[in-house]
PDB file of all heavy atoms in Angstrom:
ATOM      1  N   ALA A   1      10.949  24.027   1.660  1.00  0.00           N
ATOM      2  CA  ALA A   1      10.767  22.764   0.873  1.00  0.00           C
ATOM      3  C   ALA A   1       9.642  21.948   1.455  1.00  0.00           C
ATOM      4  O   ALA A   1       9.423  21.852   2.715  1.00  0.00           O
ATOM      5  CB  ALA A   1      12.006  21.960   0.921  1.00  0.00           C
ATOM      6  N   LEU A   2       8.771  21.378   0.600  1.00  0.00           N
ATOM      7  CA  LEU A   2       7.665  20.576   1.033  1.00  0.00           C
ATOM      8  C   LEU A   2       8.063  19.139   1.199  1.00  0.00           C
ATOM      9  O   LEU A   2       8.799  18.590   0.324  1.00  0.00           O
ATOM     10  CB  LEU A   2       6.484  20.689   0.038  1.00  0.00           C
ATOM     11  CG  LEU A   2       5.696  21.974   0.060  1.00  0.00           C
ATOM     12  CD1 LEU A   2       4.633  22.038  -1.057  1.00  0.00           C
ATOM     13  CD2 LEU A   2       5.028  22.171   1.425  1.00  0.00           C
ATOM     14  N   PHE A   3       7.522  18.472   2.216  1.00  0.00           N
ATOM     15  CA  PHE A   3       7.575  17.032   2.343  1.00  0.00           C
ATOM     16  C   PHE A   3       6.316  16.531   1.795  1.00  0.00           C
ATOM     17  O   PHE A   3       5.248  16.763   2.348  1.00  0.00           O
ATOM     18  CB  PHE A   3       7.828  16.568   3.719  1.00  0.00           C
ATOM     19  CG  PHE A   3       7.673  15.129   3.933  1.00  0.00           C
ATOM     20  CD1 PHE A   3       8.692  14.238   3.643  1.00  0.00           C
ATOM     21  CD2 PHE A   3       6.418  14.632   4.365  1.00  0.00           C
ATOM     22  CE1 PHE A   3       8.489  12.860   3.790  1.00  0.00           C
ATOM     23  CE2 PHE A   3       6.266  13.206   4.552  1.00  0.00           C
ATOM     24  CZ  PHE A   3       7.275  12.423   4.224  1.00  0.00           C
ATOM     25  N   THR A   4       6.212  15.860   0.672  1.00  0.00           N
ATOM     26  CA  THR A   4       5.024  15.446   0.004  1.00  0.00           C
ATOM     27  C   THR A   4       4.889  13.941  -0.052  1.00  0.00           C
ATOM     28  O   THR A   4       5.837  13.228  -0.349  1.00  0.00           O
ATOM     29  CB  THR A   4       5.005  16.008  -1.427  1.00  0.00           C
ATOM     30  OG1 THR A   4       5.167  17.382  -1.384  1.00  0.00           O
ATOM     31  CG2 THR A   4       3.654  15.683  -2.094  1.00  0.00           C
ATOM     32  N   LEU A   5       3.628  13.524   0.386  1.00  0.00           N
ATOM     33  CA  LEU A   5       3.345  12.077   0.253  1.00  0.00           C
ATOM     34  C   LEU A   5       2.920  11.785  -1.158  1.00  0.00           C
ATOM     35  O   LEU A   5       2.093  12.405  -1.792  1.00  0.00           O
ATOM     36  CB  LEU A   5       2.279  11.725   1.199  1.00  0.00           C
ATOM     37  CG  LEU A   5       2.600  11.933   2.670  1.00  0.00           C
ATOM     38  CD1 LEU A   5       1.431  11.519   3.579  1.00  0.00           C
ATOM     39  CD2 LEU A   5       3.872  11.176   3.107  1.00  0.00           C
ATOM     40  N   THR A   6       3.458  10.723  -1.720  1.00  0.00           N
ATOM     41  CA  THR A   6       3.118  10.323  -3.112  1.00  0.00           C
ATOM     42  C   THR A   6       2.523   8.900  -3.065  1.00  0.00           C
ATOM     43  O   THR A   6       2.705   8.126  -2.129  1.00  0.00           O
ATOM     44  CB  THR A   6       4.283  10.303  -4.012  1.00  0.00           C
ATOM     45  OG1 THR A   6       5.308   9.394  -3.494  1.00  0.00           O
ATOM     46  CG2 THR A   6       4.852  11.745  -4.139  1.00  0.00           C
ATOM     47  N   SER A   7       1.905   8.554  -4.163  1.00  0.00           N
ATOM     48  CA  SER A   7       1.339   7.160  -4.296  1.00  0.00           C
ATOM     49  C   SER A   7       2.431   6.190  -4.410  1.00  0.00           C
ATOM     50  O   SER A   7       3.529   6.441  -4.913  1.00  0.00           O
ATOM     51  CB  SER A   7       0.441   7.092  -5.568  1.00  0.00           C
ATOM     52  OG  SER A   7      -0.638   8.017  -5.485  1.00  0.00           O
ATOM     53  N   PRO A   8       2.213   4.988  -3.880  1.00  0.00           N
ATOM     54  CA  PRO A   8       3.247   3.931  -4.025  1.00  0.00           C
ATOM     55  C   PRO A   8       3.652   3.627  -5.409  1.00  0.00           C
ATOM     56  O   PRO A   8       2.764   3.612  -6.314  1.00  0.00           O
ATOM     57  CB  PRO A   8       2.568   2.681  -3.345  1.00  0.00           C
ATOM     58  CG  PRO A   8       1.408   3.251  -2.588  1.00  0.00           C
ATOM     59  CD  PRO A   8       0.989   4.498  -3.223  1.00  0.00           C
ATOM     60  N   SER A   9       4.953   3.470  -5.638  1.00  0.00           N
ATOM     61  CA  SER A   9       5.452   3.300  -6.970  1.00  0.00           C
ATOM     62  C   SER A   9       4.892   2.045  -7.729  1.00  0.00           C
ATOM     63  O   SER A   9       4.657   2.036  -8.900  1.00  0.00           O
ATOM     64  CB  SER A   9       7.015   3.264  -7.021  1.00  0.00           C
ATOM     65  OG  SER A   9       7.425   2.132  -6.159  1.00  0.00           O
ATOM     66  N   TRP A  10       4.599   1.050  -6.893  1.00  0.00           N
ATOM     67  CA  TRP A  10       4.170  -0.238  -7.428  1.00  0.00           C
ATOM     68  C   TRP A  10       2.766  -0.159  -8.032  1.00  0.00           C
ATOM     69  O   TRP A  10       2.343  -1.003  -8.787  1.00  0.00           O
ATOM     70  CB  TRP A  10       4.212  -1.355  -6.465  1.00  0.00           C
ATOM     71  CG  TRP A  10       3.405  -1.139  -5.282  1.00  0.00           C
ATOM     72  CD1 TRP A  10       3.715  -0.613  -4.081  1.00  0.00           C
ATOM     73  CD2 TRP A  10       2.014  -1.562  -5.033  1.00  0.00           C
ATOM     74  NE1 TRP A  10       2.634  -0.605  -3.216  1.00  0.00           N
ATOM     75  CE2 TRP A  10       1.635  -1.161  -3.753  1.00  0.00           C
ATOM     76  CE3 TRP A  10       1.043  -2.204  -5.900  1.00  0.00           C
ATOM     77  CZ2 TRP A  10       0.366  -1.406  -3.351  1.00  0.00           C
ATOM     78  CZ3 TRP A  10      -0.179  -2.454  -5.435  1.00  0.00           C
ATOM     79  CH2 TRP A  10      -0.578  -2.001  -4.122  1.00  0.00           C
ATOM     80  N   ALA A  11       1.999   0.881  -7.637  1.00  0.00           N
ATOM     81  CA  ALA A  11       0.599   0.991  -8.100  1.00  0.00           C
ATOM     82  C   ALA A  11       0.522   1.248  -9.585  1.00  0.00           C
ATOM     83  O   ALA A  11      -0.559   1.062 -10.164  1.00  0.00           O
ATOM     84  CB  ALA A  11      -0.054   2.147  -7.321  1.00  0.00           C
ATOM     85  N   GLN A  12       1.611   1.674 -10.212  1.00  0.00           N
ATOM     86  CA  GLN A  12       1.585   1.998 -11.597  1.00  0.00           C
ATOM     87  C   GLN A  12       2.060   0.894 -12.509  1.00  0.00           C
ATOM     88  O   GLN A  12       2.155   1.067 -13.732  1.00  0.00           O
ATOM     89  CB  GLN A  12       2.377   3.273 -11.813  1.00  0.00           C
ATOM     90  CG  GLN A  12       1.857   4.422 -11.017  1.00  0.00           C
ATOM     91  CD  GLN A  12       2.656   5.725 -11.269  1.00  0.00           C
ATOM     92  OE1 GLN A  12       3.629   5.709 -12.055  1.00  0.00           O
ATOM     93  NE2 GLN A  12       2.261   6.758 -10.591  1.00  0.00           N
ATOM     94  N   GLY A  13       2.411  -0.257 -11.941  1.00  0.00           N
ATOM     95  CA  GLY A  13       2.963  -1.324 -12.820  1.00  0.00           C
ATOM     96  C   GLY A  13       2.971  -2.660 -12.170  1.00  0.00           C
ATOM     97  O   GLY A  13       2.706  -2.727 -10.933  1.00  0.00           O
ATOM     98  N   ASN A  14       3.299  -3.668 -12.860  1.00  0.00           N
ATOM     99  CA  ASN A  14       3.374  -5.006 -12.322  1.00  0.00           C
ATOM    100  C   ASN A  14       4.686  -5.117 -11.488  1.00  0.00           C
ATOM    101  O   ASN A  14       5.762  -4.621 -11.828  1.00  0.00           O
ATOM    102  CB  ASN A  14       3.356  -6.056 -13.350  1.00  0.00           C
ATOM    103  CG  ASN A  14       2.060  -6.070 -14.159  1.00  0.00           C
ATOM    104  OD1 ASN A  14       1.055  -5.798 -13.500  1.00  0.00           O
ATOM    105  ND2 ASN A  14       2.018  -6.304 -15.463  1.00  0.00           N
ATOM    106  N   ALA A  15       4.582  -5.854 -10.272  1.00  0.00           N
ATOM    107  CA  ALA A  15       5.795  -5.997  -9.452  1.00  0.00           C
ATOM    108  C   ALA A  15       5.519  -7.183  -8.581  1.00  0.00           C
ATOM    109  O   ALA A  15       4.408  -7.609  -8.344  1.00  0.00           O
ATOM    110  CB  ALA A  15       6.005  -4.739  -8.588  1.00  0.00           C
ATOM    111  N   PRO A  16       6.546  -7.819  -8.044  1.00  0.00           N
ATOM    112  CA  PRO A  16       6.427  -8.938  -7.104  1.00  0.00           C
ATOM    113  C   PRO A  16       5.591  -8.434  -5.909  1.00  0.00           C
ATOM    114  O   PRO A  16       5.700  -7.259  -5.541  1.00  0.00           O
ATOM    115  CB  PRO A  16       7.848  -9.242  -6.705  1.00  0.00           C
ATOM    116  CG  PRO A  16       8.703  -8.736  -7.842  1.00  0.00           C
ATOM    117  CD  PRO A  16       7.972  -7.506  -8.310  1.00  0.00           C
ATOM    118  N   GLN A  17       4.814  -9.319  -5.334  1.00  0.00           N
ATOM    119  CA  GLN A  17       3.882  -8.948  -4.296  1.00  0.00           C
ATOM    120  C   GLN A  17       4.202  -9.617  -2.993  1.00  0.00           C
ATOM    121  O   GLN A  17       4.420 -10.818  -2.941  1.00  0.00           O
ATOM    122  CB  GLN A  17       2.461  -9.154  -4.685  1.00  0.00           C
ATOM    123  CG  GLN A  17       1.947  -8.212  -5.804  1.00  0.00           C
ATOM    124  CD  GLN A  17       0.486  -8.477  -6.076  1.00  0.00           C
ATOM    125  OE1 GLN A  17      -0.116  -9.448  -5.714  1.00  0.00           O
ATOM    126  NE2 GLN A  17      -0.156  -7.471  -6.666  1.00  0.00           N
ATOM    127  N   GLY A  18       4.135  -8.841  -1.955  1.00  0.00           N
ATOM    128  CA  GLY A  18       4.019  -9.434  -0.523  1.00  0.00           C
ATOM    129  C   GLY A  18       2.587  -9.481  -0.168  1.00  0.00           C
ATOM    130  O   GLY A  18       1.718  -8.865  -0.828  1.00  0.00           O
ATOM    131  N   MET A  19       2.320  -9.993   0.945  1.00  0.00           N
ATOM    132  CA  MET A  19       0.909 -10.166   1.343  1.00  0.00           C
ATOM    133  C   MET A  19       0.716  -9.995   2.852  1.00  0.00           C
ATOM    134  O   MET A  19       1.495 -10.645   3.643  1.00  0.00           O
ATOM    135  CB  MET A  19       0.311 -11.495   0.920  1.00  0.00           C
ATOM    136  CG  MET A  19      -1.165 -11.666   1.196  1.00  0.00           C
ATOM    137  SD  MET A  19      -2.172 -10.845   0.017  1.00  0.00           S
ATOM    138  CE  MET A  19      -1.897 -11.815  -1.431  1.00  0.00           C
ATOM    139  N   VAL A  20      -0.258  -9.255   3.297  1.00  0.00           N
ATOM    140  CA  VAL A  20      -0.716  -9.112   4.706  1.00  0.00           C
ATOM    141  C   VAL A  20      -2.127  -9.581   4.708  1.00  0.00           C
ATOM    142  O   VAL A  20      -2.919  -9.190   3.881  1.00  0.00           O
ATOM    143  CB  VAL A  20      -0.568  -7.661   5.243  1.00  0.00           C
ATOM    144  CG1 VAL A  20      -1.184  -7.651   6.646  1.00  0.00           C
ATOM    145  CG2 VAL A  20       0.848  -7.207   5.170  1.00  0.00           C
ATOM    146  N   THR A  21      -2.424 -10.438   5.656  1.00  0.00           N
ATOM    147  CA  THR A  21      -3.725 -11.004   5.781  1.00  0.00           C
ATOM    148  C   THR A  21      -4.324 -10.722   7.231  1.00  0.00           C
ATOM    149  O   THR A  21      -3.628 -10.315   8.112  1.00  0.00           O
ATOM    150  CB  THR A  21      -3.781 -12.494   5.514  1.00  0.00           C
ATOM    151  OG1 THR A  21      -2.947 -13.145   6.536  1.00  0.00           O
ATOM    152  CG2 THR A  21      -3.225 -12.791   4.145  1.00  0.00           C
ATOM    153  N   GLY A  22      -5.623 -10.963   7.403  1.00  0.00           N
ATOM    154  CA  GLY A  22      -6.227 -10.790   8.664  1.00  0.00           C
ATOM    155  C   GLY A  22      -7.747 -10.682   8.526  1.00  0.00           C
ATOM    156  O   GLY A  22      -8.315 -11.089   7.520  1.00  0.00           O
ATOM    157  N   THR A  23      -8.328 -10.154   9.558  1.00  0.00           N
ATOM    158  CA  THR A  23      -9.780  -9.895   9.593  1.00  0.00           C
ATOM    159  C   THR A  23     -10.083  -8.473  10.107  1.00  0.00           C
ATOM    160  O   THR A  23      -9.255  -7.915  10.766  1.00  0.00           O
ATOM    161  CB  THR A  23     -10.489 -10.892  10.544  1.00  0.00           C
ATOM    162  OG1 THR A  23     -10.010 -10.851  11.869  1.00  0.00           O
ATOM    163  CG2 THR A  23     -10.243 -12.375  10.024  1.00  0.00           C
ATOM    164  N   VAL A  24     -11.249  -8.021   9.737  1.00  0.00           N
ATOM    165  CA  VAL A  24     -11.788  -6.832  10.228  1.00  0.00           C
ATOM    166  C   VAL A  24     -13.132  -7.177  10.954  1.00  0.00           C
ATOM    167  O   VAL A  24     -13.990  -7.811  10.385  1.00  0.00           O
ATOM    168  CB  VAL A  24     -12.095  -5.826   9.053  1.00  0.00           C
ATOM    169  CG1 VAL A  24     -12.773  -4.575   9.563  1.00  0.00           C
ATOM    170  CG2 VAL A  24     -10.733  -5.419   8.392  1.00  0.00           C
ATOM    171  N   ALA A  25     -13.253  -6.598  12.166  1.00  0.00           N
ATOM    172  CA  ALA A  25     -14.451  -6.965  13.009  1.00  0.00           C
ATOM    173  C   ALA A  25     -14.814  -5.818  13.901  1.00  0.00           C
ATOM    174  O   ALA A  25     -13.997  -4.919  14.146  1.00  0.00           O
ATOM    175  CB  ALA A  25     -14.170  -8.245  13.764  1.00  0.00           C
ATOM    176  N   TYR A  26     -15.985  -5.879  14.493  1.00  0.00           N
ATOM    177  CA  TYR A  26     -16.401  -4.979  15.506  1.00  0.00           C
ATOM    178  C   TYR A  26     -17.268  -5.740  16.476  1.00  0.00           C
ATOM    179  O   TYR A  26     -17.806  -6.817  16.189  1.00  0.00           O
ATOM    180  CB  TYR A  26     -17.088  -3.779  14.981  1.00  0.00           C
ATOM    181  CG  TYR A  26     -18.230  -4.043  13.981  1.00  0.00           C
ATOM    182  CD1 TYR A  26     -19.517  -4.455  14.434  1.00  0.00           C
ATOM    183  CD2 TYR A  26     -18.015  -3.919  12.639  1.00  0.00           C
ATOM    184  CE1 TYR A  26     -20.505  -4.743  13.573  1.00  0.00           C
ATOM    185  CE2 TYR A  26     -19.037  -4.190  11.764  1.00  0.00           C
ATOM    186  CZ  TYR A  26     -20.257  -4.589  12.206  1.00  0.00           C
ATOM    187  OH  TYR A  26     -21.256  -4.917  11.358  1.00  0.00           O
ATOM    188  N   ARG A  27     -17.512  -5.157  17.700  1.00  0.00           N
ATOM    189  CA  ARG A  27     -18.168  -5.969  18.710  1.00  0.00           C
ATOM    190  C   ARG A  27     -19.741  -5.635  18.742  1.00  0.00           C
ATOM    191  O   ARG A  27     -20.452  -6.427  19.331  1.00  0.00           O
ATOM    192  CB  ARG A  27     -17.642  -5.681  20.083  1.00  0.00           C
ATOM    193  CG  ARG A  27     -16.199  -6.115  20.180  1.00  0.00           C
ATOM    194  CD  ARG A  27     -15.683  -5.971  21.685  1.00  0.00           C
ATOM    195  NE  ARG A  27     -14.287  -6.441  21.875  1.00  0.00           N
ATOM    196  CZ  ARG A  27     -13.200  -5.751  21.734  1.00  0.00           C
ATOM    197  NH1 ARG A  27     -13.320  -4.438  21.423  1.00  0.00           N
ATOM    198  NH2 ARG A  27     -12.026  -6.298  21.839  1.00  0.00           N
TER     199      ARG A  27
END
């Protein structure tokens, strides 16, 4: 049996959203 990674279910429709914020940087 294969363990398969699939796309998140919410990507295909509208759903309540959580939010992660932050910054991306390099030196």
